[in-house]
Amino acid sequence: MNEFAHIFKAYDIRGLVDVEIDVDFAFATGVAFARFLQIEREPGTIVIGEDMRPSSPQLADAFSAGAISQGMDVIRIGLASTDMLYFASGKLGLPGAMFTASHNPAEYNGIKLCLSNARPIGKESGLVTIENFVREGSPIALRNVGVEKQRNMLEEYVDHLLTLVDIKNIRPLKIIIDAGNGMAGHTAPAIFARLNCEVIPMYFELDGSFPNHEANPLDESTLTDLKKAMIDQKADLGLAFDGDADRCFLVDERGVAVNPSALTALIAHRELIKHPGSSIIYNLISSRAVQEVIDENGGVGLRSRVGHSYIKKMMAESGAIFGGEHSGHFYFKEFWRADSGALAALHAIAALGESDTTMSALLAPYNRYVISGEINSKVADTQAATEAVEKIYSSDRLKIDHLDGLTVNGDTWWFNLRPSNTEPLLRLNVEASTQAQMESVRDAVLSLIRS
């Protein structure tokens, strides 16, 4: 049972197929989720989606059987992106389960769970209870067995997305989409068939073995083929989705990867035009430019910890209309505060299509600083290493906070140092006004950590 501590993550369940996650585990988790939902007085039906990994249908079958054994009904929506599962949860007002390991390699699978209306479930909002129920095993109880039904919601999902972004009057665009053999290969054709765009597909074949590259655009090496295609095809915009298509990364017309903070700032600007004076959330490793853009456009910027459950909770409490994470997750109030890579992509396409300029020129006002990207360091004691760094940087001239790990703010630079939730790693992000200053701060902090 100790292995459960390894596969129950901060925000979801994830592990090696047939080693850590198998059909017996999926059945037990279905039982546990049903028990949890009954305690929470949630609706008596669960909506279930699955990605293209070979193990997903069998694991979803077993999970459904476990939930049904506890008297819950199930609606299976079949192949889906994670944001399509969130759409189904919101549209139907039901709790949900998505079988996916997101951007993880082929040998992994997992489950993302949510309450009705796509409300998040994480360690601090129910996942620990579900884990404990799995450990305890199935209760002995006589219940009426639930019913499983099928429902295809792809077109309803596309219909809803296109009510949230106006793309009717955009100019013709040439767009290359790298689905990475993930779920965007299923959803993108249905979405982009309705746009005034020439779409050049890359790796749309659903294949959970990821034969071309890992579906993890946060790793810029996976964008190599897309960058080359952008230049060869003289395209206007490139889109790269992760495995479950809830994250989208952009590549501009030069074949250069777009900083996710710049996309956060662009969408924030657009949303504040529609909803003046509203609140926008960004996580604390986003560029300072995001807060500046929010201020310039009369909004209220709210800084969050890293992680979808924190942003969704803050959105619910504050009424924020939009939230962005530097990891490529984008959250929309009008999408049940859930994240959607497709919706973020539509905002970028609408902004570009309404302009007469290039993507790089459109985003230039939002690219104000130099950022390091996340750098991981393996350390024996993350707390001791963080305290050593803080001691060196303790000064009246510097502002320090502990919202999520350690953040140190100078006049023209900042860095954040956060421990991993699951590994003995420290994650460093640095931003500064110049490349030289960013490198100087980065190298100084890394030297302290690694010594």
Foldseek 3Di string as FASTA:
>chain_A
DVCQVQQQFFFWGKDFEPPSDYLVLLLLLLLLVLVLCVVVVADQEEEEEEKLQPRTVSSRVSSQQNVQQAVGEYEYQYHAFPLVQLLVLQVVQAKYKYWAPWLDALRMITIGTAGRLRQGDGPVRCSVSSSVSSVVTHDDDDDHGYYYHYDHCLLVVLVLLCVVFPQPQFDEFEEEEEALLASCLVRVVSNCVPHNYHYHYHNSHNDSNSVPDGLQVLPVVSCVVVLVCLAVVQGQKYWGAIRSQLFIWIAGSNSHTDQQLLLLLLVLLVVCVVPPAAEEEEEPLRDPLNVVSCVVRNYHYDYAHDDLNTQLVVCVVRVHQKYGYRSGWIAGVSSSRHTGNVSSVSSLSRQVRVDPDGSCVSSVVSPQKDKDRKDKDADPDLVVLLVQLCVVLDDPQWDWDPNARIWIDHPFKIKHWHADRNHRMIIIMIIGRDPVVRVVVVVVSVVSNVD
